[in-house]
Amino acid sequence: MNKRQKKPPRLNIALFGTSADPPTVGHQFIIAWLAQRFDWVAVWAADNPFKGHQTPLAHRMTMLDLMIQDLDLPRDNVHLHPELSQSRTIHTLEIATQRWKNAHFTLVIGSDLVAQLPNWYRIEELLQAVDLLIVPRPGYPLSEPALEELRHRGARVAIADLTCPDTSSTAYRAQGKTDGLTPPIEDYIHREHLYLCQDAPREKQPSH
């Protein structure tokens, strides 16, 4: 009698795409938190159609990779996946399901994207296929009507139990605030001359 083969355990995978222009310690904090709770964390840089003046994707992908390499994690379970960077998240999911055949996917988004989410392409299909994990961001409180709208569309919603550092990519681009950058990313920005704010005279930059 042949013994029945056991199926391999199902991987719990977090899908975390971000515009990362540039990545900040807030992104790093989220990734480290996810690494403690998921079998695998797939990270990529993406173009956000609602944002303009974005740094070329290749640079943002490189900066994310530098951030991941700078993490001190007990498990090697966080990796950059450039192939997941698609203009439509449903297409990202299609690629992910081909790569990881036996996996349960959780889509991770910031609370700033909740209001946009119902307008995403094939959103009902996407929400049926993934769990949704919302990361609170300073300045973007969650409203119950917005969450109820997502549930009405079939979302299985969880709110991440963490408080992110009050940093943002916008604060660096607009004001040159470097306190949200890790040293490897700050070095890369200056080496590649990616942002106008880095060339501002020191005395005109805001003090930290």
C-alpha atoms as a PDB file:
ATOM      1  CA  MET A   1       0.000   0.000   0.000  1.00  0.00           C
ATOM      2  CA  ASN A   2       1.340   3.343  -0.971  1.00  0.00           C
ATOM      3  CA  LYS A   3       1.533   5.854   1.781  1.00  0.00           C
ATOM      4  CA  ARG A   4      -0.343   9.023   1.074  1.00  0.00           C
ATOM      5  CA  GLN A   5       2.064  11.845   0.437  1.00  0.00           C
ATOM      6  CA  LYS A   6       1.638  14.796   2.719  1.00  0.00           C
ATOM      7  CA  LYS A   7       1.116  18.119   1.043  1.00  0.00           C
ATOM      8  CA  PRO A   8       3.776  20.699   1.860  1.00  0.00           C
ATOM      9  CA  PRO A   9       2.625  23.312   4.362  1.00  0.00           C
ATOM     10  CA  ARG A  10       0.989  26.331   2.799  1.00  0.00           C
ATOM     11  CA  LEU A  11       3.190  29.396   2.815  1.00  0.00           C
ATOM     12  CA  ASN A  12       1.825  32.609   4.265  1.00  0.00           C
ATOM     13  CA  ILE A  13       3.205  35.349   2.028  1.00  0.00           C
ATOM     14  CA  ALA A  14       2.963  39.101   2.540  1.00  0.00           C
ATOM     15  CA  LEU A  15       2.900  41.153  -0.667  1.00  0.00           C
ATOM     16  CA  PHE A  16       4.270  44.649  -0.026  1.00  0.00           C
ATOM     17  CA  GLY A  17       4.635  47.024  -2.946  1.00  0.00           C
ATOM     18  CA  THR A  18       5.456  50.657  -2.364  1.00  0.00           C
ATOM     19  CA  SER A  19       6.300  53.719  -4.435  1.00  0.00           C
ATOM     20  CA  ALA A  20       9.397  54.156  -2.206  1.00  0.00           C
ATOM     21  CA  ASP A  21      10.427  57.575  -3.489  1.00  0.00           C
ATOM     22  CA  PRO A  22      12.683  57.286  -1.524  1.00  0.00           C
ATOM     23  CA  PRO A  23      12.259  54.405   0.963  1.00  0.00           C
ATOM     24  CA  THR A  24      12.336  55.563   4.587  1.00  0.00           C
ATOM     25  CA  VAL A  25      12.799  54.050   8.019  1.00  0.00           C
ATOM     26  CA  GLY A  26       9.001  53.786   8.070  1.00  0.00           C
ATOM     27  CA  HIS A  27       9.136  51.291   5.201  1.00  0.00           C
ATOM     28  CA  GLN A  28      11.956  49.440   6.961  1.00  0.00           C
ATOM     29  CA  PHE A  29       9.944  49.268  10.187  1.00  0.00           C
ATOM     30  CA  ILE A  30       6.952  47.761   8.364  1.00  0.00           C
ATOM     31  CA  ILE A  31       9.084  45.195   6.539  1.00  0.00           C
ATOM     32  CA  ALA A  32      10.770  44.072   9.765  1.00  0.00           C
ATOM     33  CA  TRP A  33       7.354  43.743  11.438  1.00  0.00           C
ATOM     34  CA  LEU A  34       6.033  41.661   8.541  1.00  0.00           C
ATOM     35  CA  ALA A  35       9.112  39.403   8.626  1.00  0.00           C
ATOM     36  CA  GLN A  36       8.206  38.321  12.146  1.00  0.00           C
ATOM     37  CA  ARG A  37       4.672  37.306  11.161  1.00  0.00           C
ATOM     38  CA  PHE A  38       4.882  35.780   7.674  1.00  0.00           C
ATOM     39  CA  ASP A  39       6.785  32.902   6.119  1.00  0.00           C
ATOM     40  CA  TRP A  40       7.884  35.136   3.257  1.00  0.00           C
ATOM     41  CA  VAL A  41       7.750  38.876   2.567  1.00  0.00           C
ATOM     42  CA  ALA A  42       7.835  39.864  -1.109  1.00  0.00           C
ATOM     43  CA  VAL A  43       8.792  43.510  -1.598  1.00  0.00           C
ATOM     44  CA  TRP A  44       8.947  45.639  -4.727  1.00  0.00           C
ATOM     45  CA  ALA A  45       8.914  49.257  -5.870  1.00  0.00           C
ATOM     46  CA  ALA A  46       5.940  50.327  -7.938  1.00  0.00           C
ATOM     47  CA  ASP A  47       4.733  53.295  -9.956  1.00  0.00           C
ATOM     48  CA  ASN A  48       1.715  54.914  -8.332  1.00  0.00           C
ATOM     49  CA  PRO A  49      -0.548  56.398 -11.037  1.00  0.00           C
ATOM     50  CA  PHE A  50      -1.868  58.905  -8.484  1.00  0.00           C
ATOM     51  CA  LYS A  51       1.595  60.407  -7.916  1.00  0.00           C
ATOM     52  CA  GLY A  52       3.766  62.460 -10.226  1.00  0.00           C
ATOM     53  CA  HIS A  53       7.452  63.358 -10.501  1.00  0.00           C
ATOM     54  CA  GLN A  54       8.623  59.879  -9.533  1.00  0.00           C
ATOM     55  CA  THR A  55      12.266  58.863  -9.479  1.00  0.00           C
ATOM     56  CA  PRO A  56      13.001  56.191 -12.129  1.00  0.00           C
ATOM     57  CA  LEU A  57      11.804  52.786 -10.988  1.00  0.00           C
ATOM     58  CA  ALA A  58      15.247  51.188 -11.248  1.00  0.00           C
ATOM     59  CA  HIS A  59      16.646  53.605  -8.644  1.00  0.00           C
ATOM     60  CA  ARG A  60      13.729  53.052  -6.282  1.00  0.00           C
ATOM     61  CA  MET A  61      14.131  49.284  -6.639  1.00  0.00           C
ATOM     62  CA  THR A  62      17.845  49.564  -5.834  1.00  0.00           C
ATOM     63  CA  MET A  63      17.142  51.679  -2.756  1.00  0.00           C
ATOM     64  CA  LEU A  64      14.615  49.131  -1.499  1.00  0.00           C
ATOM     65  CA  ASP A  65      17.195  46.399  -1.992  1.00  0.00           C
ATOM     66  CA  LEU A  66      19.715  48.405   0.044  1.00  0.00           C
ATOM     67  CA  MET A  67      17.115  48.771   2.787  1.00  0.00           C
ATOM     68  CA  ILE A  68      16.427  45.032   2.874  1.00  0.00           C
ATOM     69  CA  GLN A  69      20.142  44.232   2.992  1.00  0.00           C
ATOM     70  CA  ASP A  70      20.471  46.613   5.945  1.00  0.00           C
ATOM     71  CA  LEU A  71      17.884  44.692   7.985  1.00  0.00           C
ATOM     72  CA  ASP A  72      19.101  42.428  10.779  1.00  0.00           C
ATOM     73  CA  LEU A  73      16.551  39.606  10.665  1.00  0.00           C
ATOM     74  CA  PRO A  74      16.643  36.177  12.338  1.00  0.00           C
ATOM     75  CA  ARG A  75      15.283  34.564   9.139  1.00  0.00           C
ATOM     76  CA  ASP A  76      16.201  35.204   5.520  1.00  0.00           C
ATOM     77  CA  ASN A  77      12.567  35.619   4.554  1.00  0.00           C
ATOM     78  CA  VAL A  78      12.438  39.118   3.040  1.00  0.00           C
ATOM     79  CA  HIS A  79      13.399  39.568  -0.602  1.00  0.00           C
ATOM     80  CA  LEU A  80      13.021  42.051  -3.421  1.00  0.00           C
ATOM     81  CA  HIS A  81      10.874  40.778  -6.301  1.00  0.00           C
ATOM     82  CA  PRO A  82      11.101  43.207  -9.258  1.00  0.00           C
ATOM     83  CA  GLU A  83       8.923  40.902 -11.372  1.00  0.00           C
ATOM     84  CA  LEU A  84       5.950  41.770  -9.135  1.00  0.00           C
ATOM     85  CA  SER A  85       6.123  45.451 -10.083  1.00  0.00           C
ATOM     86  CA  GLN A  86       3.085  45.829 -12.329  1.00  0.00           C
ATOM     87  CA  SER A  87       0.767  48.744 -13.072  1.00  0.00           C
ATOM     88  CA  ARG A  88      -2.223  46.677 -11.880  1.00  0.00           C
ATOM     89  CA  THR A  89      -2.094  44.812  -8.567  1.00  0.00           C
ATOM     90  CA  ILE A  90      -4.251  42.017  -9.978  1.00  0.00           C
ATOM     91  CA  HIS A  91      -1.453  41.339 -12.481  1.00  0.00           C
ATOM     92  CA  THR A  92       1.057  41.291  -9.626  1.00  0.00           C
ATOM     93  CA  LEU A  93      -1.085  38.656  -7.943  1.00  0.00           C
ATOM     94  CA  GLU A  94      -1.240  36.571 -11.119  1.00  0.00           C
ATOM     95  CA  ILE A  95       2.562  36.493 -11.253  1.00  0.00           C
ATOM     96  CA  ALA A  96       2.789  35.691  -7.538  1.00  0.00           C
ATOM     97  CA  THR A  97       0.383  32.757  -7.798  1.00  0.00           C
ATOM     98  CA  GLN A  98       2.467  31.305 -10.622  1.00  0.00           C
ATOM     99  CA  ARG A  99       5.684  31.672  -8.621  1.00  0.00           C
ATOM    100  CA  TRP A 100       4.284  30.310  -5.336  1.00  0.00           C
ATOM    101  CA  LYS A 101       1.828  27.561  -6.193  1.00  0.00           C
ATOM    102  CA  ASN A 102       0.937  26.625  -2.627  1.00  0.00           C
ATOM    103  CA  ALA A 103       0.598  29.938  -0.826  1.00  0.00           C
ATOM    104  CA  HIS A 104      -1.857  32.137   1.007  1.00  0.00           C
ATOM    105  CA  PHE A 105      -1.387  35.800   0.094  1.00  0.00           C
ATOM    106  CA  THR A 106      -1.879  38.910   2.194  1.00  0.00           C
ATOM    107  CA  LEU A 107      -1.778  42.259   0.424  1.00  0.00           C
ATOM    108  CA  VAL A 108      -0.231  44.935   2.636  1.00  0.00           C
ATOM    109  CA  ILE A 109      -1.217  48.574   2.065  1.00  0.00           C
ATOM    110  CA  GLY A 110      -0.901  51.804   4.006  1.00  0.00           C
ATOM    111  CA  SER A 111      -3.970  53.509   5.417  1.00  0.00           C
ATOM    112  CA  ASP A 112      -3.396  56.340   2.914  1.00  0.00           C
ATOM    113  CA  LEU A 113      -4.505  53.992   0.104  1.00  0.00           C
ATOM    114  CA  VAL A 114      -7.782  52.821   1.662  1.00  0.00           C
ATOM    115  CA  ALA A 115      -9.888  55.516  -0.013  1.00  0.00           C
ATOM    116  CA  GLN A 116      -8.369  54.697  -3.429  1.00  0.00           C
ATOM    117  CA  LEU A 117      -8.753  50.946  -3.139  1.00  0.00           C
ATOM    118  CA  PRO A 118     -12.395  50.613  -4.307  1.00  0.00           C
ATOM    119  CA  ASN A 119     -11.366  52.208  -7.622  1.00  0.00           C
ATOM    120  CA  TRP A 120      -8.560  49.739  -8.325  1.00  0.00           C
ATOM    121  CA  TYR A 121      -8.769  47.578 -11.432  1.00  0.00           C
ATOM    122  CA  ARG A 122     -10.741  44.330 -10.892  1.00  0.00           C
ATOM    123  CA  ILE A 123     -10.887  45.093  -7.187  1.00  0.00           C
ATOM    124  CA  GLU A 124     -13.572  42.527  -6.305  1.00  0.00           C
ATOM    125  CA  GLU A 125     -11.540  39.758  -7.914  1.00  0.00           C
ATOM    126  CA  LEU A 126      -8.409  40.925  -6.106  1.00  0.00           C
ATOM    127  CA  LEU A 127     -10.120  41.072  -2.708  1.00  0.00           C
ATOM    128  CA  GLN A 128     -11.518  37.558  -3.163  1.00  0.00           C
ATOM    129  CA  ALA A 129      -8.000  36.206  -3.748  1.00  0.00           C
ATOM    130  CA  VAL A 130      -6.061  37.864  -0.920  1.00  0.00           C
ATOM    131  CA  ASP A 131      -6.387  38.915   2.679  1.00  0.00           C
ATOM    132  CA  LEU A 132      -5.965  42.644   3.215  1.00  0.00           C
ATOM    133  CA  LEU A 133      -3.652  44.012   5.904  1.00  0.00           C
ATOM    134  CA  ILE A 134      -3.844  47.763   6.459  1.00  0.00           C
ATOM    135  CA  VAL A 135      -0.880  49.504   8.081  1.00  0.00           C
ATOM    136  CA  PRO A 136      -1.870  52.705   9.941  1.00  0.00           C
ATOM    137  CA  ARG A 137       0.068  55.756   8.785  1.00  0.00           C
ATOM    138  CA  PRO A 138       0.370  59.023  10.713  1.00  0.00           C
ATOM    139  CA  GLY A 139      -2.010  61.576   9.242  1.00  0.00           C
ATOM    140  CA  TYR A 140      -4.264  58.990   7.578  1.00  0.00           C
ATOM    141  CA  PRO A 141      -6.798  57.783  10.154  1.00  0.00           C
ATOM    142  CA  LEU A 142      -9.021  54.885   9.227  1.00  0.00           C
ATOM    143  CA  SER A 143     -12.743  55.499   8.976  1.00  0.00           C
ATOM    144  CA  GLU A 144     -15.334  52.824   9.605  1.00  0.00           C
ATOM    145  CA  PRO A 145     -17.358  53.736   6.460  1.00  0.00           C
ATOM    146  CA  ALA A 146     -14.251  53.219   4.297  1.00  0.00           C
ATOM    147  CA  LEU A 147     -13.553  49.856   5.909  1.00  0.00           C
ATOM    148  CA  GLU A 148     -17.185  48.838   5.563  1.00  0.00           C
ATOM    149  CA  GLU A 149     -17.044  49.672   1.856  1.00  0.00           C
ATOM    150  CA  LEU A 150     -14.117  47.274   1.466  1.00  0.00           C
ATOM    151  CA  ARG A 151     -15.908  44.531   3.404  1.00  0.00           C
ATOM    152  CA  HIS A 152     -18.975  45.084   1.226  1.00  0.00           C
ATOM    153  CA  ARG A 153     -16.779  44.349  -1.783  1.00  0.00           C
ATOM    154  CA  GLY A 154     -15.601  41.094  -0.221  1.00  0.00           C
ATOM    155  CA  ALA A 155     -12.464  42.165   1.623  1.00  0.00           C
ATOM    156  CA  ARG A 156     -11.145  40.203   4.576  1.00  0.00           C
ATOM    157  CA  VAL A 157      -9.606  43.124   6.451  1.00  0.00           C
ATOM    158  CA  ALA A 158      -7.126  43.212   9.316  1.00  0.00           C
ATOM    159  CA  ILE A 159      -5.457  46.276  10.840  1.00  0.00           C
ATOM    160  CA  ALA A 160      -1.753  45.934  11.633  1.00  0.00           C
ATOM    161  CA  ASP A 161      -1.037  46.390  15.334  1.00  0.00           C
ATOM    162  CA  LEU A 162       1.932  48.706  14.974  1.00  0.00           C
ATOM    163  CA  THR A 163       2.760  52.384  15.114  1.00  0.00           C
ATOM    164  CA  CYS A 164       5.034  53.497  12.288  1.00  0.00           C
ATOM    165  CA  PRO A 165       7.653  56.211  12.704  1.00  0.00           C
ATOM    166  CA  ASP A 166       6.294  59.593  11.635  1.00  0.00           C
ATOM    167  CA  THR A 167       8.417  59.831   8.508  1.00  0.00           C
ATOM    168  CA  SER A 168       7.509  60.064   4.847  1.00  0.00           C
ATOM    169  CA  SER A 169       9.131  60.120   1.438  1.00  0.00           C
ATOM    170  CA  THR A 170       7.305  63.374   0.736  1.00  0.00           C
ATOM    171  CA  ALA A 171       8.961  65.074   3.714  1.00  0.00           C
ATOM    172  CA  TYR A 172      12.357  64.345   2.209  1.00  0.00           C
ATOM    173  CA  ARG A 173      11.461  65.354  -1.350  1.00  0.00           C
ATOM    174  CA  ALA A 174       9.693  68.558  -0.301  1.00  0.00           C
ATOM    175  CA  GLN A 175      11.772  69.678   2.674  1.00  0.00           C
ATOM    176  CA  GLY A 176      15.029  67.724   2.534  1.00  0.00           C
ATOM    177  CA  LYS A 177      14.414  66.051   5.905  1.00  0.00           C
ATOM    178  CA  THR A 178      17.005  63.270   6.076  1.00  0.00           C
ATOM    179  CA  ASP A 179      16.043  61.910   9.509  1.00  0.00           C
ATOM    180  CA  GLY A 180      13.795  59.352   7.785  1.00  0.00           C
ATOM    181  CA  LEU A 181      16.569  57.889   5.629  1.00  0.00           C
ATOM    182  CA  THR A 182      18.937  55.037   6.437  1.00  0.00           C
ATOM    183  CA  PRO A 183      22.651  55.772   5.830  1.00  0.00           C
ATOM    184  CA  PRO A 184      23.001  53.407   2.814  1.00  0.00           C
ATOM    185  CA  ILE A 185      20.030  55.053   1.083  1.00  0.00           C
ATOM    186  CA  GLU A 186      21.222  58.567   1.875  1.00  0.00           C
ATOM    187  CA  ASP A 187      24.638  57.686   0.437  1.00  0.00           C
ATOM    188  CA  TYR A 188      23.028  56.250  -2.693  1.00  0.00           C
ATOM    189  CA  ILE A 189      20.860  59.333  -3.207  1.00  0.00           C
ATOM    190  CA  HIS A 190      23.875  61.629  -3.042  1.00  0.00           C
ATOM    191  CA  ARG A 191      25.988  59.390  -5.254  1.00  0.00           C
ATOM    192  CA  GLU A 192      23.304  59.266  -7.952  1.00  0.00           C
ATOM    193  CA  HIS A 193      22.053  62.871  -7.480  1.00  0.00           C
ATOM    194  CA  LEU A 194      18.422  61.740  -7.372  1.00  0.00           C
ATOM    195  CA  TYR A 195      16.659  64.663  -5.669  1.00  0.00           C
ATOM    196  CA  LEU A 196      16.951  68.424  -5.950  1.00  0.00           C
ATOM    197  CA  CYS A 197      16.660  68.882  -2.178  1.00  0.00           C
ATOM    198  CA  GLN A 198      20.041  67.230  -1.611  1.00  0.00           C
ATOM    199  CA  ASP A 199      21.754  70.071  -3.488  1.00  0.00           C
ATOM    200  CA  ALA A 200      20.155  72.841  -1.419  1.00  0.00           C
ATOM    201  CA  PRO A 201      22.621  74.918   0.648  1.00  0.00           C
ATOM    202  CA  ARG A 202      22.976  73.434   4.115  1.00  0.00           C
ATOM    203  CA  GLU A 203      21.972  76.651   5.859  1.00  0.00           C
ATOM    204  CA  LYS A 204      18.669  76.669   3.951  1.00  0.00           C
ATOM    205  CA  GLN A 205      17.751  73.093   4.836  1.00  0.00           C
ATOM    206  CA  PRO A 206      15.495  72.700   7.874  1.00  0.00           C
ATOM    207  CA  SER A 207      17.214  71.679  11.082  1.00  0.00           C
ATOM    208  CA  HIS A 208      16.299  68.342  12.612  1.00  0.00           C
END
